[in-house]
Amino acid sequence: MAGQRIGYVRVSTLDQNEKRQLEGQVLDRVFTDKASGRDTARPELTELLRFARDGDTVVVHSMDRLARNLDDLRALVQNLTRKGVRVEFVKESLVFTGEDSPHGKPHALRYGSLF
């Protein structure tokens, strides 16, 4: 059985338009935070982490929408991939699955500048 495609959207201010971030993506459910990305204490992100299951795919517009620093980004991606959840970043055209390859594991995030 194929898992769900789950979107995660974050905007920093209430007046920003969150609709365009995952425009055109076919998603079963979307979690949207209107909060700073300075840390991972965001209600919809917390709910997404509880909701996502083995076989699901989490789709995020770009890495900076999920986390604003490399440590948080790596921890979030590792948390998800350990549960069997695939993580896709649309803007960067990156997919993390937890597979044992340089591009499949979150340790690949240590290469290059992200933000």
Protein backbone atom coordinates (compact mmCIF):
# COMPACT_ATOMS: atom_id res chain seq x y z
CA MET A 1 0.00 0.00 0.00
CA ALA A 2 1.33 3.41 -0.98
CA GLY A 3 1.61 6.00 1.74
CA GLN A 4 0.20 9.50 1.79
CA ARG A 5 1.80 12.61 0.34
CA ILE A 6 1.90 15.14 3.15
CA GLY A 7 2.77 18.79 2.64
CA TYR A 8 4.46 21.06 5.15
CA VAL A 9 4.24 24.83 4.70
CA ARG A 10 5.70 27.55 6.90
CA VAL A 11 5.41 31.29 6.58
CA SER A 12 6.95 33.72 9.03
CA THR A 13 4.19 36.30 9.13
CA LEU A 14 0.41 36.19 8.96
CA ASP A 15 0.29 38.32 5.81
CA GLN A 16 2.54 36.03 3.73
CA ASN A 17 0.82 33.83 1.14
CA GLU A 18 1.42 30.20 2.02
CA LYS A 19 -0.64 28.87 -0.92
CA ARG A 20 2.13 29.25 -3.51
CA GLN A 21 4.71 27.12 -1.67
CA LEU A 22 3.30 23.76 -2.75
CA GLU A 23 1.22 24.92 -5.68
CA GLY A 24 0.77 22.14 -8.22
CA GLN A 25 1.68 19.36 -5.78
CA VAL A 26 -0.87 16.57 -5.32
CA LEU A 27 -1.14 16.12 -1.55
CA ASP A 28 -3.39 14.16 0.78
CA ARG A 29 -2.93 16.55 3.68
CA VAL A 30 -1.09 19.81 4.39
CA PHE A 31 0.23 21.10 7.71
CA THR A 32 0.74 24.88 7.81
CA ASP A 33 2.60 26.91 10.42
CA LYS A 34 2.53 30.69 10.56
CA ALA A 35 5.57 31.09 12.77
CA SER A 36 9.27 31.81 12.79
CA GLY A 37 11.56 28.97 11.83
CA ARG A 38 14.10 29.86 14.52
CA ASP A 39 13.34 26.60 16.31
CA THR A 40 11.29 23.44 15.79
CA ALA A 41 8.65 24.23 18.44
CA ARG A 42 5.83 24.77 15.95
CA PRO A 43 2.37 23.24 16.48
CA GLU A 44 1.74 22.01 12.94
CA LEU A 45 5.27 20.64 12.59
CA THR A 46 4.80 18.74 15.85
CA GLU A 47 1.51 17.34 14.54
CA LEU A 48 3.12 16.38 11.20
CA LEU A 49 5.86 14.48 13.03
CA ARG A 50 3.19 12.56 14.96
CA PHE A 51 1.05 11.95 11.88
CA ALA A 52 3.65 10.78 9.31
CA ARG A 53 3.95 7.00 8.99
CA ASP A 54 6.15 4.45 7.25
CA GLY A 55 5.61 4.75 3.50
CA ASP A 56 4.48 8.40 3.59
CA THR A 57 6.22 11.23 1.76
CA VAL A 58 6.61 14.68 3.32
CA VAL A 59 6.85 17.41 0.69
CA VAL A 60 8.34 20.80 1.59
CA HIS A 61 8.88 23.75 -0.78
CA SER A 62 12.46 24.34 0.39
CA MET A 63 14.80 23.40 3.20
CA ASP A 64 14.52 26.80 4.87
CA ARG A 65 10.77 26.28 5.26
CA LEU A 66 11.40 23.19 7.42
CA ALA A 67 14.32 24.57 9.46
CA ARG A 68 16.49 27.66 9.66
CA ASN A 69 19.66 25.94 10.84
CA LEU A 70 21.51 22.85 9.72
CA ASP A 71 21.31 21.00 13.04
CA ASP A 72 17.51 21.27 13.19
CA LEU A 73 17.19 20.35 9.51
CA ARG A 74 19.32 17.23 9.89
CA ALA A 75 17.49 16.16 13.07
CA LEU A 76 14.05 16.58 11.47
CA VAL A 77 15.00 14.70 8.30
CA GLN A 78 16.61 11.91 10.35
CA ASN A 79 13.55 11.68 12.60
CA LEU A 80 11.31 11.23 9.57
CA THR A 81 13.50 8.88 7.54
CA ARG A 82 14.07 6.61 10.55
CA LYS A 83 10.29 6.12 10.61
CA GLY A 84 10.35 5.14 6.93
CA VAL A 85 9.10 8.52 5.74
CA ARG A 86 10.54 9.95 2.53
CA VAL A 87 11.32 13.71 2.58
CA GLU A 88 11.21 15.78 -0.63
CA PHE A 89 12.43 19.36 -1.01
CA VAL A 90 10.89 20.79 -4.18
CA LYS A 91 13.09 23.86 -4.74
CA GLU A 92 16.36 21.99 -4.19
CA SER A 93 15.16 18.86 -6.04
CA LEU A 94 16.39 16.71 -3.15
CA VAL A 95 14.87 13.54 -1.75
CA PHE A 96 15.90 11.83 1.49
CA THR A 97 14.86 8.26 2.15
CA GLY A 98 17.31 7.07 4.78
CA GLU A 99 18.90 4.68 2.29
CA ASP A 100 22.61 4.04 2.66
CA SER A 101 23.89 6.41 -0.02
CA PRO A 102 25.48 9.86 0.04
CA HIS A 103 22.27 11.43 -1.28
CA GLY A 104 19.83 9.31 0.68
CA LYS A 105 20.95 10.10 4.20
CA PRO A 106 20.68 13.37 6.09
CA HIS A 107 24.46 13.42 6.59
CA ALA A 108 24.56 14.57 2.97
CA LEU A 109 23.21 17.86 4.31
CA ARG A 110 26.64 18.69 5.72
CA TYR A 111 27.96 19.49 2.26
CA GLY A 112 27.63 23.05 1.07
CA SER A 113 25.80 26.04 2.40
CA LEU A 114 22.04 25.71 2.74
CA PHE A 115 20.92 29.10 3.99
